[in-house]
Amino acid sequence: MRAVVATAPGGPEVLQVVELPDPEPRPDEAVVAVAAAGVNFIDTYRRSGLYPMRYPHVVGSEGAGRVVALGSSVTGVAVGDRVAWTAANGSYAELATVRASDLIPVPDGVSDETAAAIPMQGITAHYLITSTVELRPGDDVLLHAAAGGVGLLATQLATLRGARVIGTVGTPVKEELARQAGATDVIRYRELDDLTRQLPALVRELTSGVGVRAAYDSVGKDTFDASLASVRPRGTLVLFGASSGPVPPFDPQRLNAAGSVYLTRPSLGAYTATREELLGRTDELFALIADGRLSVRIGATFPLREAADAHRALEGRRTTGKVLLTL
């Protein structure tokens, strides 16, 4: 099979397409013919060495496709089933091995591309809005990268729960996408001379001086200070990514000074700790898609051989919605 391997820690140039032996499933695994693989920031963190990995390794952990082989102890899944997943290292490949307990059934009428776009970013958006902070009608929230894959989905989910989304984006095109998803107010951060000072001032102006109940920050180093200054007393700063780099160590007394603000760093694994929770979240997402209340934007697709270009586009913030590799 063909697969994309990170040969060493580094930039997108370390990604190479190689031929590898077809995988054999362990007793609790299935082998899936990959139709589409999700491209996510976590892939770039693992490729770059920000998250420690062994090299070389096949990149990617998310995708969708059709089951072609089963391990000896697998039940409840059949060869030919359409499935998706979010926790199978080595998904940038023609064939991926996935633990049967991590497989997500894909309903009829859902395309492979949509199925591949839902597991990581859709589940992330779902737990952020429904669990990390259980949003209520009338809540004000700040959401960075509101036109990104998680951003567009989280904006829609927050709006469905009656919350008001203040989004940040980089361009007029992304502003329009965020507004179409339901963002009430959109701030183009590139037009701010001093983001750390000006963004919180704008947010507080939009919230009658109070601040937001929750700030969702996937950017990290560049926006952390502005996010913290935008949260109301006893509100929550949710740090769920680091597209601009990790947040440097800081004095926890800053949370006290901000008004007893909560800080959390959630992970998808912690919010899909059981199969019931995993399927509960994805069932709800697929139901919202089916009845037209949730729209999934596929912003860019690349063939497998162009994985490096996909990483360059994602890291350069030149994408909107979901980025996929297609096979």
C-alpha atoms as a PDB file:
ATOM      1  CA  MET A   1       0.000   0.000   0.000  1.00  0.00           C
ATOM      2  CA  ARG A   2       0.967   3.660  -0.366  1.00  0.00           C
ATOM      3  CA  ALA A   3       1.367   5.667   2.810  1.00  0.00           C
ATOM      4  CA  VAL A   4       2.663   9.090   3.867  1.00  0.00           C
ATOM      5  CA  VAL A   5       5.576   8.856   6.284  1.00  0.00           C
ATOM      6  CA  ALA A   6       7.226  11.548   8.403  1.00  0.00           C
ATOM      7  CA  THR A   7      10.881  10.606   8.009  1.00  0.00           C
ATOM      8  CA  ALA A   8      12.171  12.883  10.794  1.00  0.00           C
ATOM      9  CA  PRO A   9      10.966  15.806  12.915  1.00  0.00           C
ATOM     10  CA  GLY A  10      10.610  18.884  10.742  1.00  0.00           C
ATOM     11  CA  GLY A  11       8.520  20.848   8.285  1.00  0.00           C
ATOM     12  CA  PRO A  12       6.171  19.536   5.592  1.00  0.00           C
ATOM     13  CA  GLU A  13       9.164  18.590   3.459  1.00  0.00           C
ATOM     14  CA  VAL A  14       9.811  15.559   5.709  1.00  0.00           C
ATOM     15  CA  LEU A  15       6.594  13.921   4.452  1.00  0.00           C
ATOM     16  CA  GLN A  16       7.267  11.232   1.866  1.00  0.00           C
ATOM     17  CA  VAL A  17       4.973   8.817   0.035  1.00  0.00           C
ATOM     18  CA  VAL A  18       6.315   5.280   0.384  1.00  0.00           C
ATOM     19  CA  GLU A  19       5.237   1.700  -0.324  1.00  0.00           C
ATOM     20  CA  LEU A  20       4.607  -0.407   2.782  1.00  0.00           C
ATOM     21  CA  PRO A  21       3.330  -3.950   3.319  1.00  0.00           C
ATOM     22  CA  ASP A  22      -0.444  -4.233   3.626  1.00  0.00           C
ATOM     23  CA  PRO A  23      -1.364  -4.387   7.324  1.00  0.00           C
ATOM     24  CA  GLU A  24      -2.804  -7.426   9.074  1.00  0.00           C
ATOM     25  CA  PRO A  25      -5.374  -6.795  11.819  1.00  0.00           C
ATOM     26  CA  ARG A  26      -4.733  -7.766  15.415  1.00  0.00           C
ATOM     27  CA  PRO A  27      -7.559  -9.699  17.105  1.00  0.00           C
ATOM     28  CA  ASP A  28      -9.391  -6.500  18.176  1.00  0.00           C
ATOM     29  CA  GLU A  29      -8.790  -4.516  14.968  1.00  0.00           C
ATOM     30  CA  ALA A  30     -10.284  -3.987  11.534  1.00  0.00           C
ATOM     31  CA  VAL A  31      -8.456  -3.091   8.336  1.00  0.00           C
ATOM     32  CA  VAL A  32     -10.177  -0.304   6.436  1.00  0.00           C
ATOM     33  CA  ALA A  33      -9.685   0.814   2.835  1.00  0.00           C
ATOM     34  CA  VAL A  34      -9.315   4.564   3.356  1.00  0.00           C
ATOM     35  CA  ALA A  35     -11.488   6.755   1.135  1.00  0.00           C
ATOM     36  CA  ALA A  36     -10.568  10.063   2.780  1.00  0.00           C
ATOM     37  CA  ALA A  37      -8.239  11.027   5.617  1.00  0.00           C
ATOM     38  CA  GLY A  38      -8.643  14.104   7.789  1.00  0.00           C
ATOM     39  CA  VAL A  39      -5.789  16.613   7.985  1.00  0.00           C
ATOM     40  CA  ASN A  40      -5.544  18.147  11.459  1.00  0.00           C
ATOM     41  CA  PHE A  41      -3.183  20.340  13.433  1.00  0.00           C
ATOM     42  CA  ILE A  42      -2.320  17.385  15.661  1.00  0.00           C
ATOM     43  CA  ASP A  43      -0.806  15.762  12.552  1.00  0.00           C
ATOM     44  CA  THR A  44       1.476  18.765  12.113  1.00  0.00           C
ATOM     45  CA  TYR A  45       2.430  18.711  15.818  1.00  0.00           C
ATOM     46  CA  ARG A  46       3.442  15.050  15.520  1.00  0.00           C
ATOM     47  CA  ARG A  47       5.262  15.637  12.229  1.00  0.00           C
ATOM     48  CA  SER A  48       7.205  18.615  13.575  1.00  0.00           C
ATOM     49  CA  GLY A  49       8.233  16.965  16.831  1.00  0.00           C
ATOM     50  CA  LEU A  50       6.145  19.278  19.032  1.00  0.00           C
ATOM     51  CA  TYR A  51       4.406  16.091  20.176  1.00  0.00           C
ATOM     52  CA  PRO A  52       7.055  13.372  20.656  1.00  0.00           C
ATOM     53  CA  MET A  53       6.809  10.511  18.148  1.00  0.00           C
ATOM     54  CA  ARG A  54       8.979   7.746  16.768  1.00  0.00           C
ATOM     55  CA  TYR A  55      10.375   8.354  13.291  1.00  0.00           C
ATOM     56  CA  PRO A  56       9.678   7.314  10.676  1.00  0.00           C
ATOM     57  CA  HIS A  57       5.946   6.977  11.262  1.00  0.00           C
ATOM     58  CA  VAL A  58       2.853   7.003   9.069  1.00  0.00           C
ATOM     59  CA  VAL A  59       1.032  10.282   9.690  1.00  0.00           C
ATOM     60  CA  GLY A  60      -2.642  10.868  10.418  1.00  0.00           C
ATOM     61  CA  SER A  61      -5.244   9.505  12.821  1.00  0.00           C
ATOM     62  CA  GLU A  62      -8.648  10.290  11.270  1.00  0.00           C
ATOM     63  CA  GLY A  63     -10.496   9.029   8.253  1.00  0.00           C
ATOM     64  CA  ALA A  64     -13.397   7.208   6.653  1.00  0.00           C
ATOM     65  CA  GLY A  65     -13.682   4.197   4.401  1.00  0.00           C
ATOM     66  CA  ARG A  66     -14.896   0.619   4.079  1.00  0.00           C
ATOM     67  CA  VAL A  67     -13.937  -2.400   6.204  1.00  0.00           C
ATOM     68  CA  VAL A  68     -11.947  -5.001   4.238  1.00  0.00           C
ATOM     69  CA  ALA A  69     -10.707  -7.364   6.975  1.00  0.00           C
ATOM     70  CA  LEU A  70     -11.461  -8.209  10.604  1.00  0.00           C
ATOM     71  CA  GLY A  71      -9.443  -9.473  13.544  1.00  0.00           C
ATOM     72  CA  SER A  72     -10.395 -12.774  15.087  1.00  0.00           C
ATOM     73  CA  SER A  73     -12.225 -11.314  18.115  1.00  0.00           C
ATOM     74  CA  VAL A  74     -14.099  -8.477  16.400  1.00  0.00           C
ATOM     75  CA  THR A  75     -17.901  -8.539  16.616  1.00  0.00           C
ATOM     76  CA  GLY A  76     -20.561  -6.051  15.612  1.00  0.00           C
ATOM     77  CA  VAL A  77     -18.677  -5.006  12.460  1.00  0.00           C
ATOM     78  CA  ALA A  78     -18.756  -6.693   9.051  1.00  0.00           C
ATOM     79  CA  VAL A  79     -16.573  -6.588   5.985  1.00  0.00           C
ATOM     80  CA  GLY A  80     -18.076  -3.988   3.662  1.00  0.00           C
ATOM     81  CA  ASP A  81     -19.350  -1.698   6.442  1.00  0.00           C
ATOM     82  CA  ARG A  82     -18.769   2.028   5.961  1.00  0.00           C
ATOM     83  CA  VAL A  83     -17.014   3.491   8.986  1.00  0.00           C
ATOM     84  CA  ALA A  84     -15.126   6.509  10.252  1.00  0.00           C
ATOM     85  CA  TRP A  85     -12.607   6.947  13.064  1.00  0.00           C
ATOM     86  CA  THR A  86     -10.540   9.487  14.922  1.00  0.00           C
ATOM     87  CA  ALA A  87      -7.928   7.488  16.819  1.00  0.00           C
ATOM     88  CA  ALA A  88      -5.960   5.303  14.410  1.00  0.00           C
ATOM     89  CA  ASN A  89      -2.364   6.369  13.948  1.00  0.00           C
ATOM     90  CA  GLY A  90      -1.303   5.834  10.359  1.00  0.00           C
ATOM     91  CA  SER A  91      -4.418   7.046   8.544  1.00  0.00           C
ATOM     92  CA  TYR A  92      -2.582   8.809   5.690  1.00  0.00           C
ATOM     93  CA  ALA A  93      -2.520   5.501   3.826  1.00  0.00           C
ATOM     94  CA  GLU A  94      -4.495   3.353   1.440  1.00  0.00           C
ATOM     95  CA  LEU A  95      -5.170   0.909   4.283  1.00  0.00           C
ATOM     96  CA  ALA A  96      -5.477   1.674   8.003  1.00  0.00           C
ATOM     97  CA  THR A  97      -5.830  -0.592  11.024  1.00  0.00           C
ATOM     98  CA  VAL A  98      -8.407   0.656  13.522  1.00  0.00           C
ATOM     99  CA  ARG A  99      -9.493  -0.797  16.841  1.00  0.00           C
ATOM    100  CA  ALA A 100     -13.031  -2.046  16.408  1.00  0.00           C
ATOM    101  CA  SER A 101     -14.092  -0.132  19.531  1.00  0.00           C
ATOM    102  CA  ASP A 102     -13.048   3.128  17.804  1.00  0.00           C
ATOM    103  CA  LEU A 103     -15.062   2.561  14.618  1.00  0.00           C
ATOM    104  CA  ILE A 104     -17.985   4.910  14.004  1.00  0.00           C
ATOM    105  CA  PRO A 105     -20.781   3.595  11.761  1.00  0.00           C
ATOM    106  CA  VAL A 106     -21.475   5.952   8.869  1.00  0.00           C
ATOM    107  CA  PRO A 107     -25.184   6.391   8.054  1.00  0.00           C
ATOM    108  CA  ASP A 108     -26.521   5.976   4.542  1.00  0.00           C
ATOM    109  CA  GLY A 109     -26.580   9.250   2.645  1.00  0.00           C
ATOM    110  CA  VAL A 110     -23.417  10.613   4.287  1.00  0.00           C
ATOM    111  CA  SER A 111     -20.516  10.924   1.843  1.00  0.00           C
ATOM    112  CA  ASP A 112     -17.044   9.601   2.583  1.00  0.00           C
ATOM    113  CA  GLU A 113     -15.756  13.177   2.659  1.00  0.00           C
ATOM    114  CA  THR A 114     -18.345  14.312   5.214  1.00  0.00           C
ATOM    115  CA  ALA A 115     -17.764  11.167   7.271  1.00  0.00           C
ATOM    116  CA  ALA A 116     -14.016  11.861   7.362  1.00  0.00           C
ATOM    117  CA  ALA A 117     -14.630  15.480   8.371  1.00  0.00           C
ATOM    118  CA  ILE A 118     -16.764  14.681  11.414  1.00  0.00           C
ATOM    119  CA  PRO A 119     -14.752  12.499  13.840  1.00  0.00           C
ATOM    120  CA  MET A 120     -12.055  14.841  15.115  1.00  0.00           C
ATOM    121  CA  GLN A 121     -13.367  18.339  14.454  1.00  0.00           C
ATOM    122  CA  GLY A 122     -17.035  17.483  14.830  1.00  0.00           C
ATOM    123  CA  ILE A 123     -16.595  15.642  18.116  1.00  0.00           C
ATOM    124  CA  THR A 124     -14.279  18.389  19.357  1.00  0.00           C
ATOM    125  CA  ALA A 125     -16.847  21.065  18.550  1.00  0.00           C
ATOM    126  CA  HIS A 126     -19.557  18.965  20.204  1.00  0.00           C
ATOM    127  CA  TYR A 127     -17.771  18.437  23.514  1.00  0.00           C
ATOM    128  CA  LEU A 128     -16.566  22.038  23.656  1.00  0.00           C
ATOM    129  CA  ILE A 129     -20.104  23.383  23.349  1.00  0.00           C
ATOM    130  CA  THR A 130     -22.066  20.736  25.246  1.00  0.00           C
ATOM    131  CA  SER A 131     -19.675  19.462  27.910  1.00  0.00           C
ATOM    132  CA  THR A 132     -16.484  21.469  28.517  1.00  0.00           C
ATOM    133  CA  VAL A 133     -18.763  24.455  28.993  1.00  0.00           C
ATOM    134  CA  GLU A 134     -22.429  23.510  28.733  1.00  0.00           C
ATOM    135  CA  LEU A 135     -23.660  26.554  26.871  1.00  0.00           C
ATOM    136  CA  ARG A 136     -27.067  27.994  27.656  1.00  0.00           C
ATOM    137  CA  PRO A 137     -29.348  30.447  25.839  1.00  0.00           C
ATOM    138  CA  GLY A 138     -27.995  33.965  26.179  1.00  0.00           C
ATOM    139  CA  ASP A 139     -24.364  32.989  26.817  1.00  0.00           C
ATOM    140  CA  ASP A 140     -21.728  35.110  25.105  1.00  0.00           C
ATOM    141  CA  VAL A 141     -18.642  33.259  23.852  1.00  0.00           C
ATOM    142  CA  LEU A 142     -15.417  34.191  22.089  1.00  0.00           C
ATOM    143  CA  LEU A 143     -14.295  31.703  19.447  1.00  0.00           C
ATOM    144  CA  HIS A 144     -10.939  32.045  17.711  1.00  0.00           C
ATOM    145  CA  ALA A 145     -10.436  30.703  14.171  1.00  0.00           C
ATOM    146  CA  ALA A 146     -14.188  30.819  13.667  1.00  0.00           C
ATOM    147  CA  ALA A 147     -13.896  29.880   9.971  1.00  0.00           C
ATOM    148  CA  GLY A 148     -11.724  26.823  10.613  1.00  0.00           C
ATOM    149  CA  GLY A 149     -12.917  23.242  10.747  1.00  0.00           C
ATOM    150  CA  VAL A 150     -13.776  23.245  14.451  1.00  0.00           C
ATOM    151  CA  GLY A 151     -14.751  26.906  14.360  1.00  0.00           C
ATOM    152  CA  LEU A 152     -17.529  26.616  11.783  1.00  0.00           C
ATOM    153  CA  LEU A 153     -19.015  23.562  13.489  1.00  0.00           C
ATOM    154  CA  ALA A 154     -18.712  25.009  17.003  1.00  0.00           C
ATOM    155  CA  THR A 155     -20.324  28.264  15.857  1.00  0.00           C
ATOM    156  CA  GLN A 156     -23.317  26.362  14.500  1.00  0.00           C
ATOM    157  CA  LEU A 157     -23.634  24.178  17.604  1.00  0.00           C
ATOM    158  CA  ALA A 158     -23.348  27.146  19.958  1.00  0.00           C
ATOM    159  CA  THR A 159     -25.963  29.057  17.982  1.00  0.00           C
ATOM    160  CA  LEU A 160     -28.320  26.057  18.075  1.00  0.00           C
ATOM    161  CA  ARG A 161     -28.071  26.199  21.882  1.00  0.00           C
ATOM    162  CA  GLY A 162     -28.992  29.878  21.903  1.00  0.00           C
ATOM    163  CA  ALA A 163     -25.519  31.282  22.588  1.00  0.00           C
ATOM    164  CA  ARG A 164     -24.073  34.365  20.940  1.00  0.00           C
ATOM    165  CA  VAL A 165     -20.742  33.826  19.165  1.00  0.00           C
ATOM    166  CA  ILE A 166     -18.088  36.498  18.804  1.00  0.00           C
ATOM    167  CA  GLY A 167     -15.656  35.042  16.282  1.00  0.00           C
ATOM    168  CA  THR A 168     -12.166  36.016  15.224  1.00  0.00           C
ATOM    169  CA  VAL A 169     -10.888  35.457  11.686  1.00  0.00           C
ATOM    170  CA  GLY A 170      -8.080  36.678   9.460  1.00  0.00           C
ATOM    171  CA  THR A 171      -9.770  37.730   6.210  1.00  0.00           C
ATOM    172  CA  PRO A 172     -13.059  39.140   4.846  1.00  0.00           C
ATOM    173  CA  VAL A 173     -13.799  35.799   3.158  1.00  0.00           C
ATOM    174  CA  LYS A 174     -13.456  33.993   6.474  1.00  0.00           C
ATOM    175  CA  GLU A 175     -15.614  36.645   8.139  1.00  0.00           C
ATOM    176  CA  GLU A 176     -18.440  35.891   5.727  1.00  0.00           C
ATOM    177  CA  LEU A 177     -18.148  32.156   6.372  1.00  0.00           C
ATOM    178  CA  ALA A 178     -18.257  32.712  10.143  1.00  0.00           C
ATOM    179  CA  ARG A 179     -21.337  34.898   9.819  1.00  0.00           C
ATOM    180  CA  GLN A 180     -23.041  32.314   7.611  1.00  0.00           C
ATOM    181  CA  ALA A 181     -22.405  29.758  10.365  1.00  0.00           C
ATOM    182  CA  GLY A 182     -24.178  31.996  12.868  1.00  0.00           C
ATOM    183  CA  ALA A 183     -21.517  34.259  14.406  1.00  0.00           C
ATOM    184  CA  THR A 184     -23.225  37.448  15.566  1.00  0.00           C
ATOM    185  CA  ASP A 185     -20.043  39.515  15.621  1.00  0.00           C
ATOM    186  CA  VAL A 186     -16.751  38.875  13.831  1.00  0.00           C
ATOM    187  CA  ILE A 187     -13.398  40.536  14.547  1.00  0.00           C
ATOM    188  CA  ARG A 188     -10.668  40.465  11.896  1.00  0.00           C
ATOM    189  CA  TYR A 189      -7.602  40.136  14.100  1.00  0.00           C
ATOM    190  CA  ARG A 190      -5.105  41.109  11.384  1.00  0.00           C
ATOM    191  CA  GLU A 191      -6.552  44.615  11.425  1.00  0.00           C
ATOM    192  CA  LEU A 192      -5.650  45.077  15.097  1.00  0.00           C
ATOM    193  CA  ASP A 193      -2.353  46.805  15.864  1.00  0.00           C
ATOM    194  CA  ASP A 194      -2.217  45.385  19.393  1.00  0.00           C
ATOM    195  CA  LEU A 195      -4.292  42.201  19.635  1.00  0.00           C
ATOM    196  CA  THR A 196      -3.596  41.662  23.335  1.00  0.00           C
ATOM    197  CA  ARG A 197      -4.997  45.080  24.231  1.00  0.00           C
ATOM    198  CA  GLN A 198      -7.537  45.771  21.497  1.00  0.00           C
ATOM    199  CA  LEU A 199      -9.309  42.419  21.267  1.00  0.00           C
ATOM    200  CA  PRO A 200     -10.435  42.310  24.922  1.00  0.00           C
ATOM    201  CA  ALA A 201     -11.586  45.921  24.633  1.00  0.00           C
ATOM    202  CA  LEU A 202     -13.736  45.058  21.616  1.00  0.00           C
ATOM    203  CA  VAL A 203     -15.122  41.952  23.309  1.00  0.00           C
ATOM    204  CA  ARG A 204     -16.059  43.867  26.443  1.00  0.00           C
ATOM    205  CA  GLU A 205     -17.647  46.598  24.337  1.00  0.00           C
ATOM    206  CA  LEU A 206     -19.809  43.938  22.683  1.00  0.00           C
ATOM    207  CA  THR A 207     -20.764  42.430  26.063  1.00  0.00           C
ATOM    208  CA  SER A 208     -21.616  45.655  27.937  1.00  0.00           C
ATOM    209  CA  GLY A 209     -18.294  45.529  29.767  1.00  0.00           C
ATOM    210  CA  VAL A 210     -18.876  42.085  31.271  1.00  0.00           C
ATOM    211  CA  GLY A 211     -16.802  39.755  29.085  1.00  0.00           C
ATOM    212  CA  VAL A 212     -17.682  36.331  27.740  1.00  0.00           C
ATOM    213  CA  ARG A 213     -18.748  33.251  29.661  1.00  0.00           C
ATOM    214  CA  ALA A 214     -16.267  31.162  27.681  1.00  0.00           C
ATOM    215  CA  ALA A 215     -13.331  31.846  25.363  1.00  0.00           C
ATOM    216  CA  TYR A 216     -12.439  28.976  23.038  1.00  0.00           C
ATOM    217  CA  ASP A 217      -8.795  29.286  21.993  1.00  0.00           C
ATOM    218  CA  SER A 218      -7.166  26.914  19.513  1.00  0.00           C
ATOM    219  CA  VAL A 219      -4.452  29.395  18.522  1.00  0.00           C
ATOM    220  CA  GLY A 220      -2.424  29.365  21.725  1.00  0.00           C
ATOM    221  CA  LYS A 221       0.618  31.564  22.178  1.00  0.00           C
ATOM    222  CA  ASP A 222      -0.527  34.540  20.068  1.00  0.00           C
ATOM    223  CA  THR A 223      -4.031  34.827  21.545  1.00  0.00           C
ATOM    224  CA  PHE A 224      -3.828  33.448  25.090  1.00  0.00           C
ATOM    225  CA  ASP A 225      -3.394  36.795  26.849  1.00  0.00           C
ATOM    226  CA  ALA A 226      -6.205  38.402  24.852  1.00  0.00           C
ATOM    227  CA  SER A 227      -8.479  35.433  25.523  1.00  0.00           C
ATOM    228  CA  LEU A 228      -7.852  35.534  29.269  1.00  0.00           C
ATOM    229  CA  ALA A 229      -8.584  39.268  29.356  1.00  0.00           C
ATOM    230  CA  SER A 230     -11.879  38.704  27.505  1.00  0.00           C
ATOM    231  CA  VAL A 231     -13.415  36.254  30.002  1.00  0.00           C
ATOM    232  CA  ARG A 232     -15.882  37.448  32.607  1.00  0.00           C
ATOM    233  CA  PRO A 233     -15.341  36.694  36.316  1.00  0.00           C
ATOM    234  CA  ARG A 234     -15.841  32.977  37.008  1.00  0.00           C
ATOM    235  CA  GLY A 235     -15.910  32.312  33.282  1.00  0.00           C
ATOM    236  CA  THR A 236     -13.813  29.698  31.500  1.00  0.00           C
ATOM    237  CA  LEU A 237     -10.874  29.874  29.125  1.00  0.00           C
ATOM    238  CA  VAL A 238     -10.810  26.705  27.031  1.00  0.00           C
ATOM    239  CA  LEU A 239      -7.399  26.141  25.464  1.00  0.00           C
ATOM    240  CA  PHE A 240      -7.778  23.343  22.914  1.00  0.00           C
ATOM    241  CA  GLY A 241      -4.978  23.903  20.419  1.00  0.00           C
ATOM    242  CA  ALA A 242      -1.745  25.701  19.667  1.00  0.00           C
ATOM    243  CA  SER A 243      -1.653  26.625  15.994  1.00  0.00           C
ATOM    244  CA  SER A 244       0.639  29.590  16.784  1.00  0.00           C
ATOM    245  CA  GLY A 245       2.747  27.625  19.266  1.00  0.00           C
ATOM    246  CA  PRO A 246       2.343  26.442  22.863  1.00  0.00           C
ATOM    247  CA  VAL A 247       1.433  28.885  25.614  1.00  0.00           C
ATOM    248  CA  PRO A 248       4.499  29.699  27.754  1.00  0.00           C
ATOM    249  CA  PRO A 249       4.337  28.863  31.463  1.00  0.00           C
ATOM    250  CA  PHE A 250       2.456  31.509  33.445  1.00  0.00           C
ATOM    251  CA  ASP A 251       1.620  32.407  37.038  1.00  0.00           C
ATOM    252  CA  PRO A 252      -1.720  30.825  38.078  1.00  0.00           C
ATOM    253  CA  GLN A 253      -2.393  33.941  40.149  1.00  0.00           C
ATOM    254  CA  ARG A 254      -3.349  35.567  36.850  1.00  0.00           C
ATOM    255  CA  LEU A 255      -6.542  33.488  36.955  1.00  0.00           C
ATOM    256  CA  ASN A 256      -7.272  34.960  40.373  1.00  0.00           C
ATOM    257  CA  ALA A 257      -6.654  38.493  39.150  1.00  0.00           C
ATOM    258  CA  ALA A 258      -8.926  37.931  36.145  1.00  0.00           C
ATOM    259  CA  GLY A 259     -11.833  37.155  38.466  1.00  0.00           C
ATOM    260  CA  SER A 260     -11.462  33.519  39.504  1.00  0.00           C
ATOM    261  CA  VAL A 261     -11.373  32.429  35.880  1.00  0.00           C
ATOM    262  CA  TYR A 262     -11.232  28.706  35.101  1.00  0.00           C
ATOM    263  CA  LEU A 263      -8.633  27.381  32.658  1.00  0.00           C
ATOM    264  CA  THR A 264      -8.992  23.971  31.041  1.00  0.00           C
ATOM    265  CA  ARG A 265      -7.065  22.061  28.393  1.00  0.00           C
ATOM    266  CA  PRO A 266      -9.494  19.389  27.155  1.00  0.00           C
ATOM    267  CA  SER A 267      -8.676  16.462  24.907  1.00  0.00           C
ATOM    268  CA  LEU A 268     -10.850  14.413  22.598  1.00  0.00           C
ATOM    269  CA  GLY A 269      -9.856  11.179  24.325  1.00  0.00           C
ATOM    270  CA  ALA A 270     -11.129  12.392  27.687  1.00  0.00           C
ATOM    271  CA  TYR A 271     -14.485  13.301  26.153  1.00  0.00           C
ATOM    272  CA  THR A 272     -14.899   9.989  24.311  1.00  0.00           C
ATOM    273  CA  ALA A 273     -13.727   7.808  27.187  1.00  0.00           C
ATOM    274  CA  THR A 274     -16.362   5.151  26.518  1.00  0.00           C
ATOM    275  CA  ARG A 275     -17.829   3.784  23.299  1.00  0.00           C
ATOM    276  CA  GLU A 276     -21.242   4.983  24.457  1.00  0.00           C
ATOM    277  CA  GLU A 277     -19.975   8.546  24.734  1.00  0.00           C
ATOM    278  CA  LEU A 278     -18.215   8.342  21.365  1.00  0.00           C
ATOM    279  CA  LEU A 279     -21.326   7.112  19.562  1.00  0.00           C
ATOM    280  CA  GLY A 280     -23.605   9.442  21.502  1.00  0.00           C
ATOM    281  CA  ARG A 281     -21.705  12.438  20.186  1.00  0.00           C
ATOM    282  CA  THR A 282     -21.417  11.190  16.604  1.00  0.00           C
ATOM    283  CA  ASP A 283     -25.056  10.036  16.491  1.00  0.00           C
ATOM    284  CA  GLU A 284     -26.136  13.543  17.450  1.00  0.00           C
ATOM    285  CA  LEU A 285     -23.829  15.117  14.877  1.00  0.00           C
ATOM    286  CA  PHE A 286     -25.028  12.847  12.062  1.00  0.00           C
ATOM    287  CA  ALA A 287     -28.656  13.517  13.050  1.00  0.00           C
ATOM    288  CA  LEU A 288     -28.096  17.278  12.868  1.00  0.00           C
ATOM    289  CA  ILE A 289     -26.481  16.857   9.441  1.00  0.00           C
ATOM    290  CA  ALA A 290     -29.352  14.693   8.224  1.00  0.00           C
ATOM    291  CA  ASP A 291     -32.014  17.224   9.156  1.00  0.00           C
ATOM    292  CA  GLY A 292     -30.057  20.147   7.727  1.00  0.00           C
ATOM    293  CA  ARG A 293     -29.283  21.932  10.977  1.00  0.00           C
ATOM    294  CA  LEU A 294     -25.515  21.336  10.778  1.00  0.00           C
ATOM    295  CA  SER A 295     -23.461  22.002   7.668  1.00  0.00           C
ATOM    296  CA  VAL A 296     -19.996  20.521   7.147  1.00  0.00           C
ATOM    297  CA  ARG A 297     -17.697  22.590   4.952  1.00  0.00           C
ATOM    298  CA  ILE A 298     -14.964  20.742   3.070  1.00  0.00           C
ATOM    299  CA  GLY A 299     -12.615  23.631   2.431  1.00  0.00           C
ATOM    300  CA  ALA A 300      -9.869  21.807   0.530  1.00  0.00           C
ATOM    301  CA  THR A 301      -8.998  18.327  -0.707  1.00  0.00           C
ATOM    302  CA  PHE A 302      -5.573  17.057  -1.725  1.00  0.00           C
ATOM    303  CA  PRO A 303      -4.529  13.723  -3.216  1.00  0.00           C
ATOM    304  CA  LEU A 304      -2.453  11.530  -0.918  1.00  0.00           C
ATOM    305  CA  ARG A 305       0.761  12.387  -2.768  1.00  0.00           C
ATOM    306  CA  GLU A 306       0.265  16.089  -1.901  1.00  0.00           C
ATOM    307  CA  ALA A 307       0.099  15.655   1.876  1.00  0.00           C
ATOM    308  CA  ALA A 308       2.970  18.090   2.339  1.00  0.00           C
ATOM    309  CA  ASP A 309       1.024  20.786   0.476  1.00  0.00           C
ATOM    310  CA  ALA A 310      -1.995  20.077   2.677  1.00  0.00           C
ATOM    311  CA  HIS A 311       0.148  20.682   5.777  1.00  0.00           C
ATOM    312  CA  ARG A 312       1.551  23.898   4.291  1.00  0.00           C
ATOM    313  CA  ALA A 313      -1.953  25.178   3.581  1.00  0.00           C
ATOM    314  CA  LEU A 314      -3.216  24.304   7.062  1.00  0.00           C
ATOM    315  CA  GLU A 315      -0.237  25.770   8.910  1.00  0.00           C
ATOM    316  CA  GLY A 316      -0.293  28.870   6.703  1.00  0.00           C
ATOM    317  CA  ARG A 317      -3.934  29.477   7.703  1.00  0.00           C
ATOM    318  CA  ARG A 318      -4.930  29.394   4.048  1.00  0.00           C
ATOM    319  CA  THR A 319      -7.796  26.977   4.611  1.00  0.00           C
ATOM    320  CA  THR A 320     -11.390  27.127   5.798  1.00  0.00           C
ATOM    321  CA  GLY A 321     -13.494  24.281   7.095  1.00  0.00           C
ATOM    322  CA  LYS A 322     -12.109  20.777   6.818  1.00  0.00           C
ATOM    323  CA  VAL A 323      -8.967  19.732   4.913  1.00  0.00           C
ATOM    324  CA  LEU A 324      -8.900  16.187   3.529  1.00  0.00           C
ATOM    325  CA  LEU A 325      -6.617  13.812   1.707  1.00  0.00           C
ATOM    326  CA  THR A 326      -8.518  11.720  -0.835  1.00  0.00           C
ATOM    327  CA  LEU A 327      -7.549   8.306  -2.108  1.00  0.00           C
END
